[in-house]
Amino acid sequence: MTAQPVESAPRYPRKTLRAIREALPADQVVAFEAARDGLDLDDLTKVAAFRDKWWARAVTAQDHQLDSDSDAGMAGDLALAEPWALASGQ
């Protein structure tokens, strides 16, 4: 007998424009398309920043735990682990 996970892990979209667009909530698609259409493809730094920003939004929309953690972090309510000393003797 093998154990089955209670909840399957979220499947993150591929880092393609089509996959990102399909994974976005409907209320963000128009903003995504406007930003995409105005993107200067000669500036690779801006292309990478655009991809990363919108991929993160798509991932957050699909992973509800990540979404709630993000909201809690922005509100200052996220419980974080206590830091520990990295050097010995401190």
PDB file of N, CA and C in Angstrom:
ATOM      1  N   MET A   1       0.851  -1.175   0.000  1.00  0.00           N
ATOM      2  CA  MET A   1       0.000   0.000   0.000  1.00  0.00           C
ATOM      3  C   MET A   1       0.898   1.241   0.000  1.00  0.00           C
ATOM      4  N   THR A   2       0.549   2.204  -0.810  1.00  0.00           N
ATOM      5  CA  THR A   2       1.309   3.450  -0.857  1.00  0.00           C
ATOM      6  C   THR A   2       0.432   4.591  -0.373  1.00  0.00           C
ATOM      7  N   ALA A   3       1.079   5.540   0.237  1.00  0.00           N
ATOM      8  CA  ALA A   3       0.348   6.713   0.729  1.00  0.00           C
ATOM      9  C   ALA A   3       0.085   7.677  -0.422  1.00  0.00           C
ATOM     10  N   GLN A   4      -1.060   8.250  -0.414  1.00  0.00           N
ATOM     11  CA  GLN A   4      -1.423   9.241  -1.423  1.00  0.00           C
ATOM     12  C   GLN A   4      -1.443  10.625  -0.780  1.00  0.00           C
ATOM     13  N   PRO A   5      -0.957  11.637  -1.473  1.00  0.00           N
ATOM     14  CA  PRO A   5      -0.995  12.980  -0.892  1.00  0.00           C
ATOM     15  C   PRO A   5      -2.435  13.451  -0.728  1.00  0.00           C
ATOM     16  N   VAL A   6      -2.658  14.197   0.326  1.00  0.00           N
ATOM     17  CA  VAL A   6      -3.995  14.722   0.590  1.00  0.00           C
ATOM     18  C   VAL A   6      -4.375  15.741  -0.478  1.00  0.00           C
ATOM     19  N   GLU A   7      -3.438  16.596  -0.802  1.00  0.00           N
ATOM     20  CA  GLU A   7      -3.685  17.622  -1.809  1.00  0.00           C
ATOM     21  C   GLU A   7      -2.516  17.619  -2.777  1.00  0.00           C
ATOM     22  N   SER A   8      -2.814  17.606  -4.057  1.00  0.00           N
ATOM     23  CA  SER A   8      -1.730  17.579  -5.031  1.00  0.00           C
ATOM     24  C   SER A   8      -1.021  18.928  -5.061  1.00  0.00           C
ATOM     25  N   ALA A   9       0.261  18.865  -5.347  1.00  0.00           N
ATOM     26  CA  ALA A   9       1.056  20.088  -5.428  1.00  0.00           C
ATOM     27  C   ALA A   9       0.607  20.897  -6.642  1.00  0.00           C
ATOM     28  N   PRO A  10       0.641  22.220  -6.536  1.00  0.00           N
ATOM     29  CA  PRO A  10       0.222  23.041  -7.678  1.00  0.00           C
ATOM     30  C   PRO A  10       1.188  22.850  -8.843  1.00  0.00           C
ATOM     31  N   ARG A  11       0.669  22.906 -10.033  1.00  0.00           N
ATOM     32  CA  ARG A  11       1.491  22.818 -11.235  1.00  0.00           C
ATOM     33  C   ARG A  11       1.752  24.241 -11.711  1.00  0.00           C
ATOM     34  N   TYR A  12       3.009  24.588 -11.736  1.00  0.00           N
ATOM     35  CA  TYR A  12       3.364  25.940 -12.150  1.00  0.00           C
ATOM     36  C   TYR A  12       3.411  26.037 -13.671  1.00  0.00           C
ATOM     37  N   PRO A  13       3.034  27.186 -14.201  1.00  0.00           N
ATOM     38  CA  PRO A  13       3.057  27.339 -15.658  1.00  0.00           C
ATOM     39  C   PRO A  13       4.490  27.374 -16.194  1.00  0.00           C
ATOM     40  N   ARG A  14       4.637  26.968 -17.435  1.00  0.00           N
ATOM     41  CA  ARG A  14       5.932  27.096 -18.095  1.00  0.00           C
ATOM     42  C   ARG A  14       6.210  28.588 -18.263  1.00  0.00           C
ATOM     43  N   LYS A  15       7.462  28.925 -18.482  1.00  0.00           N
ATOM     44  CA  LYS A  15       7.839  30.334 -18.633  1.00  0.00           C
ATOM     45  C   LYS A  15       7.774  30.744 -20.095  1.00  0.00           C
ATOM     46  N   THR A  16       6.576  30.586 -20.667  1.00  0.00           N
ATOM     47  CA  THR A  16       6.303  31.073 -22.017  1.00  0.00           C
ATOM     48  C   THR A  16       5.180  32.093 -21.911  1.00  0.00           C
ATOM     49  N   LEU A  17       5.115  33.001 -22.868  1.00  0.00           N
ATOM     50  CA  LEU A  17       4.065  34.024 -22.825  1.00  0.00           C
ATOM     51  C   LEU A  17       2.677  33.392 -22.820  1.00  0.00           C
ATOM     52  N   ARG A  18       2.487  32.376 -23.646  1.00  0.00           N
ATOM     53  CA  ARG A  18       1.173  31.728 -23.724  1.00  0.00           C
ATOM     54  C   ARG A  18       0.793  31.072 -22.396  1.00  0.00           C
ATOM     55  N   ALA A  19       1.725  30.323 -21.808  1.00  0.00           N
ATOM     56  CA  ALA A  19       1.425  29.626 -20.552  1.00  0.00           C
ATOM     57  C   ALA A  19       1.177  30.606 -19.414  1.00  0.00           C
ATOM     58  N   ILE A  20       1.966  31.672 -19.372  1.00  0.00           N
ATOM     59  CA  ILE A  20       1.776  32.686 -18.334  1.00  0.00           C
ATOM     60  C   ILE A  20       0.409  33.339 -18.489  1.00  0.00           C
ATOM     61  N   ARG A  21       0.063  33.733 -19.721  1.00  0.00           N
ATOM     62  CA  ARG A  21      -1.225  34.388 -19.966  1.00  0.00           C
ATOM     63  C   ARG A  21      -2.379  33.478 -19.572  1.00  0.00           C
ATOM     64  N   GLU A  22      -2.301  32.202 -19.921  1.00  0.00           N
ATOM     65  CA  GLU A  22      -3.375  31.256 -19.600  1.00  0.00           C
ATOM     66  C   GLU A  22      -3.517  31.026 -18.097  1.00  0.00           C
ATOM     67  N   ALA A  23      -2.434  31.180 -17.357  1.00  0.00           N
ATOM     68  CA  ALA A  23      -2.474  30.933 -15.915  1.00  0.00           C
ATOM     69  C   ALA A  23      -2.898  32.157 -15.106  1.00  0.00           C
ATOM     70  N   LEU A  24      -2.922  33.312 -15.732  1.00  0.00           N
ATOM     71  CA  LEU A  24      -3.291  34.538 -15.009  1.00  0.00           C
ATOM     72  C   LEU A  24      -4.790  34.592 -14.740  1.00  0.00           C
ATOM     73  N   PRO A  25      -5.183  35.205 -13.629  1.00  0.00           N
ATOM     74  CA  PRO A  25      -6.608  35.456 -13.403  1.00  0.00           C
ATOM     75  C   PRO A  25      -7.141  36.402 -14.483  1.00  0.00           C
ATOM     76  N   ALA A  26      -8.401  36.273 -14.802  1.00  0.00           N
ATOM     77  CA  ALA A  26      -9.009  37.056 -15.881  1.00  0.00           C
ATOM     78  C   ALA A  26      -8.829  38.558 -15.694  1.00  0.00           C
ATOM     79  N   ASP A  27      -8.835  39.026 -14.441  1.00  0.00           N
ATOM     80  CA  ASP A  27      -8.729  40.467 -14.215  1.00  0.00           C
ATOM     81  C   ASP A  27      -7.318  41.012 -14.440  1.00  0.00           C
ATOM     82  N   GLN A  28      -6.330  40.149 -14.690  1.00  0.00           N
ATOM     83  CA  GLN A  28      -4.965  40.609 -14.936  1.00  0.00           C
ATOM     84  C   GLN A  28      -4.528  40.466 -16.392  1.00  0.00           C
ATOM     85  N   VAL A  29      -5.339  39.817 -17.214  1.00  0.00           N
ATOM     86  CA  VAL A  29      -4.947  39.536 -18.594  1.00  0.00           C
ATOM     87  C   VAL A  29      -4.789  40.811 -19.418  1.00  0.00           C
ATOM     88  N   VAL A  30      -5.673  41.766 -19.269  1.00  0.00           N
ATOM     89  CA  VAL A  30      -5.581  43.004 -20.050  1.00  0.00           C
ATOM     90  C   VAL A  30      -4.298  43.761 -19.710  1.00  0.00           C
ATOM     91  N   ALA A  31      -3.949  43.835 -18.437  1.00  0.00           N
ATOM     92  CA  ALA A  31      -2.707  44.507 -18.026  1.00  0.00           C
ATOM     93  C   ALA A  31      -1.492  43.757 -18.559  1.00  0.00           C
ATOM     94  N   PHE A  32      -1.540  42.427 -18.533  1.00  0.00           N
ATOM     95  CA  PHE A  32      -0.451  41.615 -19.073  1.00  0.00           C
ATOM     96  C   PHE A  32      -0.260  41.902 -20.556  1.00  0.00           C
ATOM     97  N   GLU A  33      -1.352  41.902 -21.309  1.00  0.00           N
ATOM     98  CA  GLU A  33      -1.266  42.132 -22.751  1.00  0.00           C
ATOM     99  C   GLU A  33      -0.771  43.540 -23.077  1.00  0.00           C
ATOM    100  N   ALA A  34      -1.201  44.530 -22.320  1.00  0.00           N
ATOM    101  CA  ALA A  34      -0.743  45.903 -22.554  1.00  0.00           C
ATOM    102  C   ALA A  34       0.760  46.020 -22.281  1.00  0.00           C
ATOM    103  N   ALA A  35       1.215  45.407 -21.183  1.00  0.00           N
ATOM    104  CA  ALA A  35       2.643  45.448 -20.868  1.00  0.00           C
ATOM    105  C   ALA A  35       3.444  44.672 -21.904  1.00  0.00           C
ATOM    106  N   ARG A  36       2.925  43.550 -22.341  1.00  0.00           N
ATOM    107  CA  ARG A  36       3.599  42.725 -23.355  1.00  0.00           C
ATOM    108  C   ARG A  36       3.719  43.477 -24.669  1.00  0.00           C
ATOM    109  N   ASP A  37       2.642  44.129 -25.079  1.00  0.00           N
ATOM    110  CA  ASP A  37       2.646  44.824 -26.361  1.00  0.00           C
ATOM    111  C   ASP A  37       3.580  46.022 -26.376  1.00  0.00           C
ATOM    112  N   GLY A  38       3.854  46.597 -25.209  1.00  0.00           N
ATOM    113  CA  GLY A  38       4.753  47.742 -25.120  1.00  0.00           C
ATOM    114  C   GLY A  38       6.190  47.368 -24.795  1.00  0.00           C
ATOM    115  N   LEU A  39       6.485  46.084 -24.733  1.00  0.00           N
ATOM    116  CA  LEU A  39       7.803  45.613 -24.326  1.00  0.00           C
ATOM    117  C   LEU A  39       8.825  45.779 -25.447  1.00  0.00           C
ATOM    118  N   ASP A  40       9.971  46.358 -25.107  1.00  0.00           N
ATOM    119  CA  ASP A  40      11.073  46.527 -26.057  1.00  0.00           C
ATOM    120  C   ASP A  40      11.888  45.239 -26.072  1.00  0.00           C
ATOM    121  N   LEU A  41      11.775  44.458 -27.129  1.00  0.00           N
ATOM    122  CA  LEU A  41      12.437  43.165 -27.199  1.00  0.00           C
ATOM    123  C   LEU A  41      13.946  43.274 -27.378  1.00  0.00           C
ATOM    124  N   ASP A  42      14.451  44.473 -27.672  1.00  0.00           N
ATOM    125  CA  ASP A  42      15.898  44.675 -27.762  1.00  0.00           C
ATOM    126  C   ASP A  42      16.545  44.771 -26.387  1.00  0.00           C
ATOM    127  N   ASP A  43      15.759  45.070 -25.364  1.00  0.00           N
ATOM    128  CA  ASP A  43      16.284  45.210 -24.005  1.00  0.00           C
ATOM    129  C   ASP A  43      16.029  43.914 -23.240  1.00  0.00           C
ATOM    130  N   LEU A  44      17.025  43.033 -23.245  1.00  0.00           N
ATOM    131  CA  LEU A  44      16.840  41.715 -22.646  1.00  0.00           C
ATOM    132  C   LEU A  44      16.618  41.764 -21.137  1.00  0.00           C
ATOM    133  N   THR A  45      17.147  42.784 -20.485  1.00  0.00           N
ATOM    134  CA  THR A  45      16.915  42.936 -19.046  1.00  0.00           C
ATOM    135  C   THR A  45      15.435  43.188 -18.783  1.00  0.00           C
ATOM    136  N   LYS A  46      14.824  44.035 -19.605  1.00  0.00           N
ATOM    137  CA  LYS A  46      13.393  44.316 -19.449  1.00  0.00           C
ATOM    138  C   LYS A  46      12.543  43.107 -19.830  1.00  0.00           C
ATOM    139  N   VAL A  47      12.980  42.352 -20.818  1.00  0.00           N
ATOM    140  CA  VAL A  47      12.244  41.143 -21.208  1.00  0.00           C
ATOM    141  C   VAL A  47      12.244  40.146 -20.054  1.00  0.00           C
ATOM    142  N   ALA A  48      13.404  39.935 -19.444  1.00  0.00           N
ATOM    143  CA  ALA A  48      13.500  38.997 -18.312  1.00  0.00           C
ATOM    144  C   ALA A  48      12.683  39.493 -17.120  1.00  0.00           C
ATOM    145  N   ALA A  49      12.719  40.793 -16.854  1.00  0.00           N
ATOM    146  CA  ALA A  49      11.949  41.350 -15.738  1.00  0.00           C
ATOM    147  C   ALA A  49      10.446  41.183 -15.981  1.00  0.00           C
ATOM    148  N   PHE A  50      10.020  41.419 -17.219  1.00  0.00           N
ATOM    149  CA  PHE A  50       8.611  41.234 -17.580  1.00  0.00           C
ATOM    150  C   PHE A  50       8.190  39.789 -17.350  1.00  0.00           C
ATOM    151  N   ARG A  51       8.987  38.848 -17.867  1.00  0.00           N
ATOM    152  CA  ARG A  51       8.677  37.424 -17.712  1.00  0.00           C
ATOM    153  C   ARG A  51       8.596  37.036 -16.238  1.00  0.00           C
ATOM    154  N   ASP A  52       9.582  37.452 -15.455  1.00  0.00           N
ATOM    155  CA  ASP A  52       9.619  37.065 -14.046  1.00  0.00           C
ATOM    156  C   ASP A  52       8.454  37.654 -13.262  1.00  0.00           C
ATOM    157  N   LYS A  53       8.139  38.906 -13.536  1.00  0.00           N
ATOM    158  CA  LYS A  53       7.025  39.561 -12.826  1.00  0.00           C
ATOM    159  C   LYS A  53       5.705  38.833 -13.101  1.00  0.00           C
ATOM    160  N   TRP A  54       5.418  38.581 -14.358  1.00  0.00           N
ATOM    161  CA  TRP A  54       4.129  37.999 -14.706  1.00  0.00           C
ATOM    162  C   TRP A  54       4.078  36.508 -14.405  1.00  0.00           C
ATOM    163  N   TRP A  55       5.212  35.810 -14.479  1.00  0.00           N
ATOM    164  CA  TRP A  55       5.235  34.398 -14.092  1.00  0.00           C
ATOM    165  C   TRP A  55       4.948  34.277 -12.599  1.00  0.00           C
ATOM    166  N   ALA A  56       5.541  35.166 -11.805  1.00  0.00           N
ATOM    167  CA  ALA A  56       5.290  35.144 -10.356  1.00  0.00           C
ATOM    168  C   ALA A  56       3.818  35.402 -10.057  1.00  0.00           C
ATOM    169  N   ARG A  57       3.198  36.308 -10.799  1.00  0.00           N
ATOM    170  CA  ARG A  57       1.769  36.564 -10.592  1.00  0.00           C
ATOM    171  C   ARG A  57       0.938  35.334 -10.941  1.00  0.00           C
ATOM    172  N   ALA A  58       1.316  34.649 -12.023  1.00  0.00           N
ATOM    173  CA  ALA A  58       0.588  33.443 -12.431  1.00  0.00           C
ATOM    174  C   ALA A  58       0.756  32.334 -11.395  1.00  0.00           C
ATOM    175  N   VAL A  59       1.966  32.167 -10.877  1.00  0.00           N
ATOM    176  CA  VAL A  59       2.219  31.141  -9.858  1.00  0.00           C
ATOM    177  C   VAL A  59       1.420  31.451  -8.597  1.00  0.00           C
ATOM    178  N   THR A  60       1.450  32.700  -8.170  1.00  0.00           N
ATOM    179  CA  THR A  60       0.725  33.099  -6.965  1.00  0.00           C
ATOM    180  C   THR A  60      -0.775  32.862  -7.125  1.00  0.00           C
ATOM    181  N   ALA A  61      -1.295  33.095  -8.312  1.00  0.00           N
ATOM    182  CA  ALA A  61      -2.724  32.891  -8.549  1.00  0.00           C
ATOM    183  C   ALA A  61      -3.098  31.410  -8.488  1.00  0.00           C
ATOM    184  N   GLN A  62      -2.162  30.518  -8.806  1.00  0.00           N
ATOM    185  CA  GLN A  62      -2.464  29.094  -8.801  1.00  0.00           C
ATOM    186  C   GLN A  62      -2.171  28.421  -7.467  1.00  0.00           C
ATOM    187  N   ASP A  63      -1.228  28.958  -6.711  1.00  0.00           N
ATOM    188  CA  ASP A  63      -0.825  28.353  -5.440  1.00  0.00           C
ATOM    189  C   ASP A  63      -1.460  29.168  -4.315  1.00  0.00           C
ATOM    190  N   HIS A  64      -2.585  28.696  -3.809  1.00  0.00           N
ATOM    191  CA  HIS A  64      -3.352  29.483  -2.839  1.00  0.00           C
ATOM    192  C   HIS A  64      -2.624  29.654  -1.507  1.00  0.00           C
ATOM    193  N   GLN A  65      -1.802  28.686  -1.112  1.00  0.00           N
ATOM    194  CA  GLN A  65      -1.027  28.845   0.119  1.00  0.00           C
ATOM    195  C   GLN A  65      -0.004  29.965  -0.059  1.00  0.00           C
ATOM    196  N   LEU A  66       0.662  29.992  -1.205  1.00  0.00           N
ATOM    197  CA  LEU A  66       1.621  31.049  -1.496  1.00  0.00           C
ATOM    198  C   LEU A  66       0.916  32.400  -1.539  1.00  0.00           C
ATOM    199  N   ASP A  67      -0.270  32.417  -2.108  1.00  0.00           N
ATOM    200  CA  ASP A  67      -1.057  33.642  -2.191  1.00  0.00           C
ATOM    201  C   ASP A  67      -1.415  34.150  -0.800  1.00  0.00           C
ATOM    202  N   SER A  68      -1.858  33.264   0.084  1.00  0.00           N
ATOM    203  CA  SER A  68      -2.225  33.701   1.437  1.00  0.00           C
ATOM    204  C   SER A  68      -0.984  34.092   2.240  1.00  0.00           C
ATOM    205  N   ASP A  69       0.145  33.381   2.035  1.00  0.00           N
ATOM    206  CA  ASP A  69       1.391  33.769   2.703  1.00  0.00           C
ATOM    207  C   ASP A  69       1.855  35.142   2.227  1.00  0.00           C
ATOM    208  N   SER A  70       1.713  35.414   0.948  1.00  0.00           N
ATOM    209  CA  SER A  70       2.099  36.715   0.400  1.00  0.00           C
ATOM    210  C   SER A  70       1.253  37.827   1.019  1.00  0.00           C
ATOM    211  N   ASP A  71      -0.059  37.594   1.099  1.00  0.00           N
ATOM    212  CA  ASP A  71      -0.947  38.591   1.714  1.00  0.00           C
ATOM    213  C   ASP A  71      -0.585  38.814   3.181  1.00  0.00           C
ATOM    214  N   ALA A  72      -0.312  37.726   3.914  1.00  0.00           N
ATOM    215  CA  ALA A  72       0.052  37.843   5.324  1.00  0.00           C
ATOM    216  C   ALA A  72       1.384  38.572   5.482  1.00  0.00           C
ATOM    217  N   GLY A  73       2.331  38.295   4.612  1.00  0.00           N
ATOM    218  CA  GLY A  73       3.629  38.976   4.665  1.00  0.00           C
ATOM    219  C   GLY A  73       3.489  40.468   4.419  1.00  0.00           C
ATOM    220  N   MET A  74       2.673  40.850   3.449  1.00  0.00           N
ATOM    221  CA  MET A  74       2.463  42.270   3.148  1.00  0.00           C
ATOM    222  C   MET A  74       1.757  42.977   4.302  1.00  0.00           C
ATOM    223  N   ALA A  75       0.927  42.240   5.045  1.00  0.00           N
ATOM    224  CA  ALA A  75       0.213  42.827   6.181  1.00  0.00           C
ATOM    225  C   ALA A  75       1.041  42.784   7.466  1.00  0.00           C
ATOM    226  N   GLY A  76       2.215  42.125   7.409  1.00  0.00           N
ATOM    227  CA  GLY A  76       3.055  42.006   8.599  1.00  0.00           C
ATOM    228  C   GLY A  76       2.601  40.916   9.546  1.00  0.00           C
ATOM    229  N   ASP A  77       1.774  39.997   9.069  1.00  0.00           N
ATOM    230  CA  ASP A  77       1.214  38.946   9.921  1.00  0.00           C
ATOM    231  C   ASP A  77       1.810  37.568   9.664  1.00  0.00           C
ATOM    232  N   LEU A  78       2.852  37.461   8.870  1.00  0.00           N
ATOM    233  CA  LEU A  78       3.432  36.165   8.548  1.00  0.00           C
ATOM    234  C   LEU A  78       4.400  35.745   9.644  1.00  0.00           C
ATOM    235  N   ALA A  79       4.154  34.580  10.238  1.00  0.00           N
ATOM    236  CA  ALA A  79       5.029  34.072  11.293  1.00  0.00           C
ATOM    237  C   ALA A  79       6.281  33.489  10.645  1.00  0.00           C
ATOM    238  N   LEU A  80       7.430  34.053  10.980  1.00  0.00           N
ATOM    239  CA  LEU A  80       8.691  33.601  10.421  1.00  0.00           C
ATOM    240  C   LEU A  80       9.493  32.879  11.480  1.00  0.00           C
ATOM    241  N   ALA A  81      10.385  32.016  11.066  1.00  0.00           N
ATOM    242  CA  ALA A  81      11.241  31.288  12.005  1.00  0.00           C
ATOM    243  C   ALA A  81      12.254  32.244  12.619  1.00  0.00           C
ATOM    244  N   GLU A  82      12.648  31.952  13.846  1.00  0.00           N
ATOM    245  CA  GLU A  82      13.667  32.759  14.511  1.00  0.00           C
ATOM    246  C   GLU A  82      15.011  32.559  13.817  1.00  0.00           C
ATOM    247  N   PRO A  83      15.772  33.617  13.603  1.00  0.00           N
ATOM    248  CA  PRO A  83      17.085  33.455  12.979  1.00  0.00           C
ATOM    249  C   PRO A  83      18.058  32.771  13.944  1.00  0.00           C
ATOM    250  N   TRP A  84      19.074  32.152  13.403  1.00  0.00           N
ATOM    251  CA  TRP A  84      20.081  31.501  14.233  1.00  0.00           C
ATOM    252  C   TRP A  84      21.459  32.027  13.854  1.00  0.00           C
ATOM    253  N   ALA A  85      22.380  31.912  14.783  1.00  0.00           N
ATOM    254  CA  ALA A  85      23.743  32.392  14.560  1.00  0.00           C
ATOM    255  C   ALA A  85      24.435  31.488  13.552  1.00  0.00           C
ATOM    256  N   LEU A  86      25.107  32.078  12.578  1.00  0.00           N
ATOM    257  CA  LEU A  86      25.806  31.294  11.571  1.00  0.00           C
ATOM    258  C   LEU A  86      27.227  30.944  12.002  1.00  0.00           C
ATOM    259  N   ALA A  87      27.815  31.763  12.861  1.00  0.00           N
ATOM    260  CA  ALA A  87      29.173  31.488  13.318  1.00  0.00           C
ATOM    261  C   ALA A  87      29.109  30.827  14.691  1.00  0.00           C
ATOM    262  N   SER A  88      30.031  29.918  14.954  1.00  0.00           N
ATOM    263  CA  SER A  88      30.036  29.244  16.247  1.00  0.00           C
ATOM    264  C   SER A  88      30.502  30.189  17.341  1.00  0.00           C
ATOM    265  N   GLY A  89      30.009  29.992  18.532  1.00  0.00           N
ATOM    266  CA  GLY A  89      30.422  30.798  19.668  1.00  0.00           C
ATOM    267  C   GLY A  89      29.648  32.094  19.827  1.00  0.00           C
ATOM    268  N   GLN A  90      28.613  32.295  19.068  1.00  0.00           N
ATOM    269  CA  GLN A  90      27.839  33.538  19.217  1.00  0.00           C
ATOM    270  C   GLN A  90      26.494  33.253  19.831  1.00  0.00           C
TER     271      GLN A  90
END
